[in-house]
Amino acid sequence: KVFMLQYRTNAGERRKPALGLYGELTVEQARSLAQE
């Protein structure tokens, strides 16, 4: 179970990086990182 964030850069490039594994991060920690 991998937390991820999908977004577009200002140049229009699509990104979908992993934030971290569930267990290493809690849901709230992953959501906070996604917001940052």
All heavy atoms as atom14 arrays in JSON, in Angstrom:
{
  "sequence": "KVFMLQYRTNAGERRKPALGLYGELTVEQARSLAQE",
  "atom14_mask": [
    [1, 1, 1, 1, 1, 1, 1, 1, 1, 0, 0, 0, 0, 0],
    [1, 1, 1, 1, 1, 1, 1, 0, 0, 0, 0, 0, 0, 0],
    [1, 1, 1, 1, 1, 1, 1, 1, 1, 1, 1, 0, 0, 0],
    [1, 1, 1, 1, 1, 1, 1, 1, 0, 0, 0, 0, 0, 0],
    [1, 1, 1, 1, 1, 1, 1, 1, 0, 0, 0, 0, 0, 0],
    [1, 1, 1, 1, 1, 1, 1, 1, 1, 0, 0, 0, 0, 0],
    [1, 1, 1, 1, 1, 1, 1, 1, 1, 1, 1, 1, 0, 0],
    [1, 1, 1, 1, 1, 1, 1, 1, 1, 1, 1, 0, 0, 0],
    [1, 1, 1, 1, 1, 1, 1, 0, 0, 0, 0, 0, 0, 0],
    [1, 1, 1, 1, 1, 1, 1, 1, 0, 0, 0, 0, 0, 0],
    [1, 1, 1, 1, 1, 0, 0, 0, 0, 0, 0, 0, 0, 0],
    [1, 1, 1, 1, 0, 0, 0, 0, 0, 0, 0, 0, 0, 0],
    [1, 1, 1, 1, 1, 1, 1, 1, 1, 0, 0, 0, 0, 0],
    [1, 1, 1, 1, 1, 1, 1, 1, 1, 1, 1, 0, 0, 0],
    [1, 1, 1, 1, 1, 1, 1, 1, 1, 1, 1, 0, 0, 0],
    [1, 1, 1, 1, 1, 1, 1, 1, 1, 0, 0, 0, 0, 0],
    [1, 1, 1, 1, 1, 1, 1, 0, 0, 0, 0, 0, 0, 0],
    [1, 1, 1, 1, 1, 0, 0, 0, 0, 0, 0, 0, 0, 0],
    [1, 1, 1, 1, 1, 1, 1, 1, 0, 0, 0, 0, 0, 0],
    [1, 1, 1, 1, 0, 0, 0, 0, 0, 0, 0, 0, 0, 0],
    [1, 1, 1, 1, 1, 1, 1, 1, 0, 0, 0, 0, 0, 0],
    [1, 1, 1, 1, 1, 1, 1, 1, 1, 1, 1, 1, 0, 0],
    [1, 1, 1, 1, 0, 0, 0, 0, 0, 0, 0, 0, 0, 0],
    [1, 1, 1, 1, 1, 1, 1, 1, 1, 0, 0, 0, 0, 0],
    [1, 1, 1, 1, 1, 1, 1, 1, 0, 0, 0, 0, 0, 0],
    [1, 1, 1, 1, 1, 1, 1, 0, 0, 0, 0, 0, 0, 0],
    [1, 1, 1, 1, 1, 1, 1, 0, 0, 0, 0, 0, 0, 0],
    [1, 1, 1, 1, 1, 1, 1, 1, 1, 0, 0, 0, 0, 0],
    [1, 1, 1, 1, 1, 1, 1, 1, 1, 0, 0, 0, 0, 0],
    [1, 1, 1, 1, 1, 0, 0, 0, 0, 0, 0, 0, 0, 0],
    [1, 1, 1, 1, 1, 1, 1, 1, 1, 1, 1, 0, 0, 0],
    [1, 1, 1, 1, 1, 1, 0, 0, 0, 0, 0, 0, 0, 0],
    [1, 1, 1, 1, 1, 1, 1, 1, 0, 0, 0, 0, 0, 0],
    [1, 1, 1, 1, 1, 0, 0, 0, 0, 0, 0, 0, 0, 0],
    [1, 1, 1, 1, 1, 1, 1, 1, 1, 0, 0, 0, 0, 0],
    [1, 1, 1, 1, 1, 1, 1, 1, 1, 0, 0, 0, 0, 0]
  ],
  "atom14_positions": [
    [[0.86, -1.18, 0.0], [0.0, 0.0, 0.0], [0.9, 1.24, 0.0], [1.63, 1.49, 0.97], [-0.92, -0.01, 1.21], [-1.86, -1.23, 1.19], [-2.72, -1.34, 2.44], [-3.61, -2.58, 2.34], [-4.47, -2.75, 3.54], [0.0, 0.0, 0.0], [0.0, 0.0, 0.0], [0.0, 0.0, 0.0], [0.0, 0.0, 0.0], [0.0, 0.0, 0.0]],
    [[0.85, 2.0, -1.12], [1.78, 3.11, -1.34], [1.0, 4.4, -1.47], [0.08, 4.51, -2.28], [2.61, 2.89, -2.63], [3.66, 3.98, -2.77], [3.24, 1.5, -2.64], [0.0, 0.0, 0.0], [0.0, 0.0, 0.0], [0.0, 0.0, 0.0], [0.0, 0.0, 0.0], [0.0, 0.0, 0.0], [0.0, 0.0, 0.0], [0.0, 0.0, 0.0]],
    [[1.35, 5.39, -0.66], [0.76, 6.72, -0.8], [1.43, 7.44, -1.96], [2.66, 7.42, -2.11], [0.94, 7.54, 0.47], [0.18, 7.01, 1.65], [0.83, 6.53, 2.77], [-1.22, 6.98, 1.63], [0.14, 6.05, 3.86], [-1.93, 6.49, 2.72], [-1.25, 6.02, 3.84], [0.0, 0.0, 0.0], [0.0, 0.0, 0.0], [0.0, 0.0, 0.0]],
    [[0.63, 8.11, -2.81], [1.15, 8.81, -3.98], [0.46, 10.15, -4.13], [-0.56, 10.43, -3.48], [0.95, 7.96, -5.24], [1.51, 6.55, -5.15], [1.32, 5.57, -6.65], [2.64, 6.23, -7.63], [0.0, 0.0, 0.0], [0.0, 0.0, 0.0], [0.0, 0.0, 0.0], [0.0, 0.0, 0.0], [0.0, 0.0, 0.0], [0.0, 0.0, 0.0]],
    [[1.04, 10.99, -4.99], [0.43, 12.29, -5.29], [0.51, 12.53, -6.79], [1.59, 12.48, -7.38], [1.17, 13.41, -4.55], [0.66, 14.82, -4.82], [-0.76, 14.99, -4.27], [1.59, 15.87, -4.22], [0.0, 0.0, 0.0], [0.0, 0.0, 0.0], [0.0, 0.0, 0.0], [0.0, 0.0, 0.0], [0.0, 0.0, 0.0], [0.0, 0.0, 0.0]],
    [[-0.62, 12.79, -7.39], [-0.67, 13.08, -8.82], [-0.88, 14.58, -9.02], [-1.76, 15.17, -8.4], [-1.81, 12.3, -9.49], [-1.84, 12.45, -11.0], [-2.84, 11.51, -11.66], [-3.26, 10.5, -11.07], [-3.23, 11.82, -12.88], [0.0, 0.0, 0.0], [0.0, 0.0, 0.0], [0.0, 0.0, 0.0], [0.0, 0.0, 0.0], [0.0, 0.0, 0.0]],
    [[-0.02, 15.19, -9.86], [-0.14, 16.63, -10.11], [0.48, 16.96, -11.46], [1.15, 16.14, -12.08], [0.53, 17.43, -9.0], [2.03, 17.28, -8.92], [2.88, 18.11, -9.65], [2.62, 16.3, -8.13], [4.26, 17.97, -9.59], [4.01, 16.15, -8.05], [4.82, 16.99, -8.79], [6.18, 16.85, -8.74], [0.0, 0.0, 0.0], [0.0, 0.0, 0.0]],
    [[0.25, 18.2, -11.89], [0.9, 18.73, -13.1], [1.8, 19.89, -12.69], [1.44, 20.71, -11.85], [-0.14, 19.24, -14.11], [-0.88, 18.16, -14.86], [-1.85, 18.79, -15.85], [-2.64, 17.8, -16.55], [-2.27, 17.22, -17.7], [-1.12, 17.55, -18.26], [-3.06, 16.34, -18.28], [0.0, 0.0, 0.0], [0.0, 0.0, 0.0], [0.0, 0.0, 0.0]],
    [[2.97, 19.94, -13.3], [3.87, 21.07, -13.06], [3.33, 22.3, -13.79], [2.41, 22.21, -14.61], [5.29, 20.76, -13.56], [5.27, 20.66, -14.99], [5.8, 19.46, -12.96], [0.0, 0.0, 0.0], [0.0, 0.0, 0.0], [0.0, 0.0, 0.0], [0.0, 0.0, 0.0], [0.0, 0.0, 0.0], [0.0, 0.0, 0.0], [0.0, 0.0, 0.0]],
    [[3.93, 23.45, -13.51], [3.52, 24.68, -14.21], [3.79, 24.58, -15.7], [3.18, 25.3, -16.5], [4.26, 25.88, -13.63], [3.71, 26.29, -12.28], [2.75, 25.68, -11.79], [4.28, 27.32, -11.67], [0.0, 0.0, 0.0], [0.0, 0.0, 0.0], [0.0, 0.0, 0.0], [0.0, 0.0, 0.0], [0.0, 0.0, 0.0], [0.0, 0.0, 0.0]],
    [[4.71, 23.67, -16.08], [5.01, 23.47, -17.5], [4.06, 22.47, -18.14], [4.17, 22.16, -19.32], [6.45, 22.99, -17.67], [0.0, 0.0, 0.0], [0.0, 0.0, 0.0], [0.0, 0.0, 0.0], [0.0, 0.0, 0.0], [0.0, 0.0, 0.0], [0.0, 0.0, 0.0], [0.0, 0.0, 0.0], [0.0, 0.0, 0.0], [0.0, 0.0, 0.0]],
    [[3.11, 21.93, -17.33], [2.12, 21.0, -17.87], [2.54, 19.55, -17.84], [1.83, 18.69, -18.36], [0.0, 0.0, 0.0], [0.0, 0.0, 0.0], [0.0, 0.0, 0.0], [0.0, 0.0, 0.0], [0.0, 0.0, 0.0], [0.0, 0.0, 0.0], [0.0, 0.0, 0.0], [0.0, 0.0, 0.0], [0.0, 0.0, 0.0], [0.0, 0.0, 0.0]],
    [[3.69, 19.24, -17.22], [4.15, 17.85, -17.18], [3.45, 17.09, -16.06], [3.29, 17.61, -14.94], [5.67, 17.82, -16.96], [6.45, 18.46, -18.1], [7.93, 18.56, -17.78], [8.25, 18.88, -16.62], [8.76, 18.33, -18.68], [0.0, 0.0, 0.0], [0.0, 0.0, 0.0], [0.0, 0.0, 0.0], [0.0, 0.0, 0.0], [0.0, 0.0, 0.0]],
    [[3.02, 15.87, -16.37], [2.3, 15.05, -15.4], [3.31, 14.35, -14.47], [4.32, 13.84, -14.91], [1.44, 13.99, -16.1], [0.31, 14.58, -16.92], [-0.36, 13.5, -17.76], [-1.0, 12.5, -16.92], [-2.25, 12.57, -16.46], [-3.02, 13.62, -16.79], [-2.76, 11.6, -15.73], [0.0, 0.0, 0.0], [0.0, 0.0, 0.0], [0.0, 0.0, 0.0]],
    [[3.01, 14.32, -13.2], [3.85, 13.67, -12.2], [2.96, 12.8, -11.32], [1.82, 13.14, -11.03], [4.58, 14.69, -11.33], [5.53, 15.6, -12.09], [6.86, 14.9, -12.33], [7.87, 15.81, -12.79], [8.18, 16.01, -14.07], [7.52, 15.34, -15.02], [9.12, 16.86, -14.41], [0.0, 0.0, 0.0], [0.0, 0.0, 0.0], [0.0, 0.0, 0.0]],
    [[3.53, 11.67, -10.88], [2.8, 10.8, -9.95], [3.82, 10.1, -9.04], [3.98, 8.88, -9.07], [1.98, 9.78, -10.73], [0.89, 9.09, -9.9], [0.05, 8.19, -10.81], [-1.03, 7.48, -10.05], [-1.82, 6.57, -10.94], [0.0, 0.0, 0.0], [0.0, 0.0, 0.0], [0.0, 0.0, 0.0], [0.0, 0.0, 0.0], [0.0, 0.0, 0.0]],
    [[4.51, 10.86, -8.2], [5.55, 10.27, -7.35], [4.96, 9.58, -6.12], [3.87, 9.92, -5.65], [6.38, 11.48, -6.94], [5.39, 12.6, -6.9], [4.43, 12.32, -8.03], [0.0, 0.0, 0.0], [0.0, 0.0, 0.0], [0.0, 0.0, 0.0], [0.0, 0.0, 0.0], [0.0, 0.0, 0.0], [0.0, 0.0, 0.0], [0.0, 0.0, 0.0]],
    [[5.72, 8.63, -5.6], [5.35, 7.98, -4.34], [5.76, 8.88, -3.17], [6.82, 9.49, -3.18], [6.03, 6.63, -4.23], [0.0, 0.0, 0.0], [0.0, 0.0, 0.0], [0.0, 0.0, 0.0], [0.0, 0.0, 0.0], [0.0, 0.0, 0.0], [0.0, 0.0, 0.0], [0.0, 0.0, 0.0], [0.0, 0.0, 0.0], [0.0, 0.0, 0.0]],
    [[4.88, 8.93, -2.18], [5.19, 9.68, -0.96], [5.81, 8.78, 0.1], [6.6, 9.24, 0.92], [3.91, 10.31, -0.39], [3.19, 11.31, -1.3], [1.84, 11.68, -0.69], [4.04, 12.56, -1.48], [0.0, 0.0, 0.0], [0.0, 0.0, 0.0], [0.0, 0.0, 0.0], [0.0, 0.0, 0.0], [0.0, 0.0, 0.0], [0.0, 0.0, 0.0]],
    [[5.42, 7.51, 0.09], [5.94, 6.57, 1.08], [4.98, 5.42, 1.28], [3.83, 5.44, 0.8], [0.0, 0.0, 0.0], [0.0, 0.0, 0.0], [0.0, 0.0, 0.0], [0.0, 0.0, 0.0], [0.0, 0.0, 0.0], [0.0, 0.0, 0.0], [0.0, 0.0, 0.0], [0.0, 0.0, 0.0], [0.0, 0.0, 0.0], [0.0, 0.0, 0.0]],
    [[5.43, 4.38, 1.98], [4.61, 3.19, 2.23], [3.71, 3.38, 3.43], [4.09, 4.03, 4.42], [5.51, 1.98, 2.46], [6.27, 1.41, 1.26], [7.24, 0.33, 1.71], [5.3, 0.86, 0.22], [0.0, 0.0, 0.0], [0.0, 0.0, 0.0], [0.0, 0.0, 0.0], [0.0, 0.0, 0.0], [0.0, 0.0, 0.0], [0.0, 0.0, 0.0]],
    [[2.52, 2.82, 3.33], [1.63, 2.78, 4.49], [2.29, 1.88, 5.54], [2.77, 0.8, 5.24], [0.28, 2.2, 4.08], [-0.69, 2.06, 5.24], [-1.03, 3.16, 6.01], [-1.26, 0.82, 5.55], [-1.93, 3.03, 7.06], [-2.16, 0.69, 6.59], [-2.48, 1.81, 7.36], [-3.35, 1.68, 8.41], [0.0, 0.0, 0.0], [0.0, 0.0, 0.0]],
    [[2.34, 2.36, 6.75], [3.07, 1.67, 7.8], [4.31, 2.47, 8.18], [4.6, 2.65, 9.37], [0.0, 0.0, 0.0], [0.0, 0.0, 0.0], [0.0, 0.0, 0.0], [0.0, 0.0, 0.0], [0.0, 0.0, 0.0], [0.0, 0.0, 0.0], [0.0, 0.0, 0.0], [0.0, 0.0, 0.0], [0.0, 0.0, 0.0], [0.0, 0.0, 0.0]],
    [[5.0, 2.94, 7.14], [6.09, 3.88, 7.4], [5.54, 5.28, 7.61], [6.1, 6.08, 8.36], [7.08, 3.88, 6.22], [7.8, 2.55, 6.04], [8.72, 2.56, 4.82], [8.73, 3.59, 4.09], [9.41, 1.55, 4.59], [0.0, 0.0, 0.0], [0.0, 0.0, 0.0], [0.0, 0.0, 0.0], [0.0, 0.0, 0.0], [0.0, 0.0, 0.0]],
    [[4.44, 5.56, 6.9], [3.71, 6.81, 7.09], [2.28, 6.49, 7.49], [1.68, 5.54, 6.99], [3.68, 7.63, 5.79], [4.99, 8.23, 5.26], [4.74, 8.89, 3.9], [5.57, 9.24, 6.23], [0.0, 0.0, 0.0], [0.0, 0.0, 0.0], [0.0, 0.0, 0.0], [0.0, 0.0, 0.0], [0.0, 0.0, 0.0], [0.0, 0.0, 0.0]],
    [[1.72, 7.29, 8.39], [0.29, 7.18, 8.67], [-0.47, 7.92, 7.57], [0.12, 8.66, 6.77], [-0.06, 7.79, 10.03], [0.18, 9.21, 9.97], [0.78, 7.18, 11.15], [0.0, 0.0, 0.0], [0.0, 0.0, 0.0], [0.0, 0.0, 0.0], [0.0, 0.0, 0.0], [0.0, 0.0, 0.0], [0.0, 0.0, 0.0], [0.0, 0.0, 0.0]],
    [[-1.79, 7.75, 7.54], [-2.6, 8.45, 6.54], [-2.45, 9.96, 6.72], [-2.29, 10.7, 5.74], [-4.08, 8.03, 6.66], [-4.95, 8.86, 5.71], [-4.25, 6.55, 6.34], [0.0, 0.0, 0.0], [0.0, 0.0, 0.0], [0.0, 0.0, 0.0], [0.0, 0.0, 0.0], [0.0, 0.0, 0.0], [0.0, 0.0, 0.0], [0.0, 0.0, 0.0]],
    [[-2.49, 10.43, 7.96], [-2.41, 11.87, 8.21], [-1.04, 12.43, 7.84], [-0.93, 13.53, 7.31], [-2.74, 12.17, 9.67], [-4.21, 11.99, 10.02], [-5.12, 12.81, 9.1], [-4.79, 13.98, 8.83], [-6.12, 12.26, 8.62], [0.0, 0.0, 0.0], [0.0, 0.0, 0.0], [0.0, 0.0, 0.0], [0.0, 0.0, 0.0], [0.0, 0.0, 0.0]],
    [[0.01, 11.66, 8.12], [1.35, 12.11, 7.74], [1.49, 12.2, 6.22], [2.06, 13.15, 5.69], [2.4, 11.15, 8.3], [2.61, 11.26, 9.8], [3.5, 10.16, 10.34], [3.63, 9.08, 9.74], [4.13, 10.4, 11.49], [0.0, 0.0, 0.0], [0.0, 0.0, 0.0], [0.0, 0.0, 0.0], [0.0, 0.0, 0.0], [0.0, 0.0, 0.0]],
    [[0.96, 11.21, 5.52], [1.03, 11.21, 4.06], [0.2, 12.36, 3.48], [0.63, 13.02, 2.52], [0.53, 9.88, 3.51], [0.0, 0.0, 0.0], [0.0, 0.0, 0.0], [0.0, 0.0, 0.0], [0.0, 0.0, 0.0], [0.0, 0.0, 0.0], [0.0, 0.0, 0.0], [0.0, 0.0, 0.0], [0.0, 0.0, 0.0], [0.0, 0.0, 0.0]],
    [[-1.0, 12.61, 4.04], [-1.83, 13.73, 3.56], [-1.13, 15.07, 3.79], [-1.14, 15.94, 2.93], [-3.18, 13.71, 4.28], [-4.13, 14.81, 3.78], [-5.46, 14.8, 4.5], [-6.31, 13.72, 4.0], [-6.69, 12.67, 4.72], [-6.27, 12.54, 5.98], [-7.48, 11.75, 4.21], [0.0, 0.0, 0.0], [0.0, 0.0, 0.0], [0.0, 0.0, 0.0]],
    [[-0.5, 15.22, 4.95], [0.21, 16.46, 5.25], [1.37, 16.67, 4.27], [1.6, 17.78, 3.79], [0.73, 16.42, 6.69], [1.48, 17.57, 6.99], [0.0, 0.0, 0.0], [0.0, 0.0, 0.0], [0.0, 0.0, 0.0], [0.0, 0.0, 0.0], [0.0, 0.0, 0.0], [0.0, 0.0, 0.0], [0.0, 0.0, 0.0], [0.0, 0.0, 0.0]],
    [[2.1, 15.58, 3.96], [3.2, 15.67, 3.0], [2.67, 16.03, 1.61], [3.28, 16.84, 0.9], [3.95, 14.34, 2.96], [5.17, 14.26, 2.03], [6.21, 15.33, 2.4], [5.81, 12.87, 2.1], [0.0, 0.0, 0.0], [0.0, 0.0, 0.0], [0.0, 0.0, 0.0], [0.0, 0.0, 0.0], [0.0, 0.0, 0.0], [0.0, 0.0, 0.0]],
    [[1.53, 15.45, 1.23], [0.92, 15.77, -0.07], [0.56, 17.24, -0.15], [0.76, 17.9, -1.19], [-0.31, 14.9, -0.29], [0.0, 0.0, 0.0], [0.0, 0.0, 0.0], [0.0, 0.0, 0.0], [0.0, 0.0, 0.0], [0.0, 0.0, 0.0], [0.0, 0.0, 0.0], [0.0, 0.0, 0.0], [0.0, 0.0, 0.0], [0.0, 0.0, 0.0]],
    [[0.05, 17.79, 0.94], [-0.3, 19.22, 0.94], [0.95, 20.09, 0.82], [0.93, 21.11, 0.12], [-1.06, 19.54, 2.23], [-2.47, 18.95, 2.27], [-3.13, 19.11, 3.63], [-2.47, 19.05, 4.66], [-4.45, 19.31, 3.62], [0.0, 0.0, 0.0], [0.0, 0.0, 0.0], [0.0, 0.0, 0.0], [0.0, 0.0, 0.0], [0.0, 0.0, 0.0]],
    [[2.03, 19.69, 1.48], [3.29, 20.44, 1.36], [3.8, 20.43, -0.07], [4.25, 21.45, -0.61], [4.35, 19.85, 2.29], [4.08, 20.06, 3.77], [5.13, 19.38, 4.63], [6.18, 18.96, 4.07], [4.91, 19.25, 5.85], [0.0, 0.0, 0.0], [0.0, 0.0, 0.0], [0.0, 0.0, 0.0], [0.0, 0.0, 0.0], [0.0, 0.0, 0.0]]
  ]
}
